[in-house]
Protein backbone atom coordinates (compact mmCIF):
# COMPACT_ATOMS: atom_id res chain seq x y z
CA MET A 1 -43.52 -37.74 -35.18
CA ILE A 2 -46.41 -39.33 -37.09
CA GLU A 3 -48.13 -37.17 -39.68
CA PHE A 4 -51.69 -38.44 -39.53
CA TYR A 5 -53.98 -37.87 -42.52
CA TYR A 6 -57.45 -38.12 -41.09
CA TRP A 7 -61.14 -37.38 -41.17
CA PRO A 8 -63.50 -38.49 -38.35
CA THR A 9 -64.95 -41.72 -39.75
CA PRO A 10 -64.76 -45.29 -38.44
CA ASN A 11 -61.70 -45.99 -40.59
CA GLY A 12 -60.09 -42.80 -39.33
CA HIS A 13 -60.92 -43.72 -35.75
CA LYS A 14 -58.97 -46.97 -36.01
CA ILE A 15 -55.80 -44.95 -36.28
CA SER A 16 -56.67 -42.08 -33.95
CA ILE A 17 -57.43 -44.65 -31.23
CA MET A 18 -54.19 -46.52 -31.93
CA LEU A 19 -52.08 -43.39 -31.78
CA GLU A 20 -53.66 -42.46 -28.46
CA GLU A 21 -53.28 -45.97 -27.07
CA CYS A 22 -49.60 -46.07 -28.02
CA GLY A 23 -48.88 -42.56 -26.76
CA LEU A 24 -47.14 -41.70 -30.03
CA GLU A 25 -46.66 -38.05 -30.91
CA TYR A 26 -48.70 -37.13 -33.97
CA ASP A 27 -49.72 -34.18 -36.08
CA VAL A 28 -53.20 -34.30 -37.64
CA LYS A 29 -53.54 -33.40 -41.30
CA ARG A 30 -57.20 -32.90 -42.17
CA VAL A 31 -58.45 -34.77 -45.23
CA ASN A 32 -61.94 -33.40 -45.75
CA ILE A 33 -63.46 -36.13 -47.88
CA GLY A 34 -66.53 -34.02 -48.65
CA ALA A 35 -64.36 -31.23 -50.06
CA GLY A 36 -62.19 -33.50 -52.20
CA ASP A 37 -58.97 -33.30 -50.18
CA GLN A 38 -58.41 -37.01 -50.88
CA PHE A 39 -57.68 -36.12 -54.51
CA ASP A 40 -54.97 -33.59 -53.76
CA PRO A 41 -51.80 -34.67 -55.63
CA ALA A 42 -49.68 -34.39 -52.48
CA PHE A 43 -52.04 -36.73 -50.63
CA LEU A 44 -52.22 -39.17 -53.53
CA ALA A 45 -48.46 -39.53 -53.39
CA ILE A 46 -49.00 -41.01 -49.92
CA SER A 47 -52.35 -42.76 -50.43
CA PRO A 48 -52.78 -43.93 -54.06
CA ASN A 49 -56.25 -45.32 -53.30
CA ASN A 50 -57.61 -41.77 -52.76
CA ARG A 51 -58.68 -42.71 -49.25
CA MET A 52 -57.72 -41.78 -45.73
CA PRO A 53 -56.35 -42.70 -43.26
CA ALA A 54 -52.69 -42.58 -44.10
CA ILE A 55 -49.55 -41.77 -42.15
CA VAL A 56 -46.02 -40.57 -42.70
CA ASP A 57 -43.45 -41.47 -40.05
CA THR A 58 -41.07 -38.52 -40.07
CA ASP A 59 -38.56 -40.55 -38.04
CA THR A 60 -38.13 -43.09 -40.84
CA GLY A 61 -39.58 -41.39 -43.92
CA ILE A 62 -41.96 -44.34 -44.37
CA SER A 63 -45.52 -43.61 -45.51
CA VAL A 64 -48.35 -46.12 -45.07
CA PHE A 65 -51.90 -46.22 -46.37
CA GLU A 66 -54.74 -48.69 -45.54
CA GLY A 67 -55.91 -48.96 -41.95
CA GLY A 68 -54.79 -52.51 -41.29
CA ALA A 69 -51.29 -51.86 -42.60
CA ILE A 70 -51.06 -48.67 -40.54
CA LEU A 71 -52.11 -50.53 -37.40
CA ILE A 72 -49.43 -53.17 -37.94
CA TYR A 73 -46.81 -50.49 -38.58
CA LEU A 74 -47.70 -48.53 -35.46
CA ALA A 75 -47.90 -51.68 -33.33
CA GLU A 76 -44.41 -52.68 -34.39
CA LYS A 77 -43.08 -49.16 -33.91
CA ALA A 78 -44.51 -48.91 -30.39
CA GLY A 79 -44.09 -52.56 -29.44
CA LEU A 80 -47.74 -52.72 -28.38
CA PHE A 81 -50.95 -54.60 -29.22
CA LEU A 82 -49.38 -57.12 -31.62
CA PRO A 83 -47.61 -60.08 -30.00
CA ALA A 84 -44.26 -61.30 -31.23
CA GLU A 85 -44.97 -64.96 -30.42
CA PRO A 86 -46.05 -66.57 -33.72
CA SER A 87 -49.31 -68.26 -32.73
CA SER A 88 -50.57 -65.25 -30.74
CA ARG A 89 -49.51 -62.90 -33.52
CA MET A 90 -51.42 -64.94 -36.08
CA GLU A 91 -54.55 -64.84 -33.92
CA VAL A 92 -54.42 -61.06 -33.95
CA LEU A 93 -53.72 -60.82 -37.68
CA GLN A 94 -56.56 -63.18 -38.57
CA TRP A 95 -59.06 -61.01 -36.74
CA LEU A 96 -57.54 -57.82 -38.11
CA PHE A 97 -58.04 -59.12 -41.65
CA TRP A 98 -61.52 -60.35 -40.71
CA GLN A 99 -62.40 -56.78 -39.82
CA ALA A 100 -60.82 -55.34 -42.95
CA GLY A 101 -62.50 -57.85 -45.25
CA GLY A 102 -65.86 -58.25 -43.52
CA LEU A 103 -67.03 -56.10 -40.66
CA GLY A 104 -65.80 -52.79 -42.07
CA PRO A 105 -67.02 -53.19 -45.66
CA MET A 106 -70.41 -54.63 -44.68
CA ALA A 107 -71.06 -51.97 -42.04
CA GLY A 108 -69.87 -49.30 -44.46
CA GLN A 109 -72.27 -50.41 -47.16
CA LEU A 110 -75.11 -50.61 -44.65
CA SER A 111 -74.28 -47.09 -43.49
CA HIS A 112 -74.44 -45.86 -47.07
CA PHE A 113 -77.96 -47.18 -47.61
CA VAL A 114 -79.14 -46.07 -44.16
CA ASN A 115 -77.63 -42.58 -44.22
CA TYR A 116 -76.90 -41.44 -47.75
CA ALA A 117 -78.61 -43.34 -50.57
CA ARG A 118 -81.52 -41.54 -52.19
CA GLY A 119 -84.81 -43.36 -52.52
CA ASP A 120 -85.81 -46.74 -51.16
CA HIS A 121 -83.50 -49.73 -51.54
CA PRO A 122 -85.12 -52.44 -49.41
CA TYR A 123 -83.17 -55.36 -50.84
CA ALA A 124 -79.76 -53.65 -50.53
CA GLN A 125 -80.46 -52.35 -47.05
CA ALA A 126 -81.73 -55.72 -45.85
CA ARG A 127 -78.77 -57.51 -47.45
CA TYR A 128 -76.21 -55.45 -45.56
CA ALA A 129 -78.24 -55.28 -42.35
CA HIS A 130 -78.40 -59.08 -42.27
CA GLU A 131 -74.68 -59.42 -42.90
CA TYR A 132 -73.82 -56.83 -40.24
CA ASP A 133 -76.02 -58.75 -37.81
CA ARG A 134 -74.28 -62.00 -38.75
CA LEU A 135 -70.83 -60.51 -38.23
CA LEU A 136 -71.79 -59.18 -34.81
CA ALA A 137 -72.87 -62.71 -33.95
CA VAL A 138 -69.46 -64.01 -35.07
CA MET A 139 -67.91 -61.63 -32.56
CA GLU A 140 -70.41 -62.69 -29.90
CA VAL A 141 -69.44 -66.36 -30.27
CA ARG A 142 -65.74 -65.56 -30.38
CA LEU A 143 -66.00 -63.60 -27.13
CA ARG A 144 -67.76 -66.34 -25.19
CA ASP A 145 -64.50 -67.63 -23.72
CA ARG A 146 -62.08 -64.70 -24.04
CA GLU A 147 -61.99 -61.07 -23.02
CA PHE A 148 -60.93 -59.72 -26.40
CA LEU A 149 -60.94 -61.03 -29.96
CA ALA A 150 -57.45 -62.52 -29.82
CA GLY A 151 -57.23 -63.00 -26.06
CA ALA A 152 -55.41 -59.83 -24.95
CA TYR A 153 -56.41 -56.36 -26.16
CA SER A 154 -54.89 -55.85 -29.59
CA ILE A 155 -55.07 -54.07 -32.92
CA ALA A 156 -57.86 -56.49 -33.87
CA ASP A 157 -60.07 -54.91 -31.20
CA ILE A 158 -58.94 -51.40 -32.09
CA ALA A 159 -59.86 -52.02 -35.74
CA SER A 160 -63.25 -53.54 -34.97
CA PHE A 161 -64.55 -51.19 -32.30
CA PRO A 162 -65.25 -48.19 -34.56
CA TRP A 163 -67.49 -50.34 -36.76
CA VAL A 164 -69.49 -51.60 -33.78
CA LEU A 165 -69.77 -48.10 -32.33
CA PRO A 166 -72.59 -46.96 -34.69
CA TYR A 167 -74.69 -50.09 -34.09
CA ARG A 168 -77.81 -48.13 -33.08
CA ARG A 169 -77.70 -45.89 -36.13
CA LEU A 170 -77.30 -49.03 -38.23
CA GLY A 171 -80.44 -50.52 -36.72
CA ASN A 172 -78.95 -53.15 -34.45
CA ASP A 173 -79.13 -53.90 -30.73
CA LEU A 174 -76.19 -55.12 -28.65
CA ASP A 175 -78.46 -56.36 -25.88
CA LYS A 176 -78.93 -59.59 -27.82
CA PHE A 177 -75.14 -60.06 -27.83
CA PRO A 178 -74.14 -60.11 -24.13
CA ASN A 179 -70.49 -60.97 -24.67
CA LEU A 180 -70.12 -58.42 -27.42
CA ARG A 181 -71.82 -55.88 -25.16
CA ARG A 182 -69.28 -56.60 -22.40
CA TRP A 183 -66.41 -56.19 -24.90
CA PHE A 184 -67.90 -52.98 -26.30
CA ASP A 185 -68.47 -51.40 -22.90
CA ALA A 186 -64.95 -52.27 -21.72
CA ILE A 187 -63.31 -50.73 -24.78
CA LYS A 188 -65.56 -47.67 -24.76
CA GLU A 189 -64.38 -46.78 -21.26
CA ARG A 190 -60.68 -46.77 -22.16
CA PRO A 191 -59.46 -43.14 -21.97
CA ALA A 192 -57.37 -43.47 -25.13
CA VAL A 193 -60.37 -44.79 -27.04
CA ARG A 194 -62.46 -41.84 -25.92
CA ARG A 195 -59.76 -39.41 -27.03
CA GLY A 196 -59.41 -41.17 -30.37
CA VAL A 197 -63.14 -41.14 -31.11
CA ASP A 198 -63.43 -37.51 -30.04
CA LEU A 199 -60.69 -36.33 -32.40
CA GLY A 200 -62.27 -33.95 -34.88
CA LYS A 201 -65.80 -34.50 -33.66
CA ASP A 202 -66.51 -30.79 -34.00
CA TRP A 203 -65.51 -30.78 -37.68
CA ARG A 204 -68.28 -30.57 -40.21
CA ARG A 205 -69.85 -33.94 -40.90
CA ASP A 206 -72.70 -32.89 -43.20
CA GLU A 207 -70.71 -32.75 -46.44
CA ALA A 208 -72.63 -35.60 -48.05
CA ARG A 209 -75.78 -33.51 -47.92
CA ASN A 210 -74.68 -31.31 -50.84
CA GLU A 211 -74.40 -32.47 -54.42
CA GLN A 212 -70.74 -31.69 -54.97
CA ALA A 213 -69.72 -33.58 -51.86
CA ARG A 214 -71.90 -36.55 -52.76
CA ALA A 215 -70.21 -36.74 -56.15
CA LEU A 216 -66.76 -36.60 -54.56
CA MET A 217 -67.58 -39.29 -52.03
CA PHE A 218 -69.84 -41.70 -53.92
CA GLU A 219 -69.57 -41.22 -57.68
CA GLN A 220 -65.92 -41.84 -58.46
CA THR A 221 -64.89 -44.04 -61.40
CA ALA A 222 -61.74 -45.22 -63.14
CA GLU A 223 -61.55 -41.84 -64.84
CA THR A 224 -61.21 -40.18 -61.43
CA VAL A 225 -58.20 -42.36 -60.61
CA PHE A 226 -56.52 -41.69 -63.95
CA LYS A 227 -57.05 -37.93 -63.67
CA ALA A 228 -55.69 -37.81 -60.13
CA ALA A 229 -52.68 -39.96 -61.05
CA ASP A 230 -51.88 -37.69 -63.98
CA ALA A 231 -51.97 -34.69 -61.65
CA VAL A 232 -49.45 -36.37 -59.35
CA GLU A 233 -47.08 -37.05 -62.24
CA GLU A 234 -47.24 -33.41 -63.34
């Protein structure tokens, strides 16, 4: 059994999709990031970065935080979506880290300025919009001669899809990326992907509209980390 600490965001969807694709039994533990659940001492013992997703494998007692690490763990547990052959494996891992270091952070920052930041921030919004556009073009070129990012469907695709999914809301248009559009449409139609994206879709998603939730989600500092860590030690 996988205990799955989750809230319906793109980073959460990476793991909900993977669990569905692998057919692994899991139990969802809600981590309402607008209510501060990520700072609960019991959760911090599993995820010291105060962020979901995280998992605990009750079969092994192993806990894992960070989406990329979780995907690797689940792929190895299930024997799916991460090749054993060294060169193919490295192709997948390169694109997994590309998502974790580029596509996710840039799209996340763009989403912040599009959806949550108060006031006008034209430079910041343009900066992240341009970089998101550039990264989609990187995918477009990569997909010119292959069906998926590393050839066969893999955790690299599972990690990237949730950050392409909100492209309209982020002000982009996949019609200018025909190969990326083909990739996107193919993944979107996978039943496991649909189930993963739908997980928790009826939960409240308007937490960032109130001041307390905004502070919990966007105004954390080093002091927050120290206070939470002290609570865990107590």
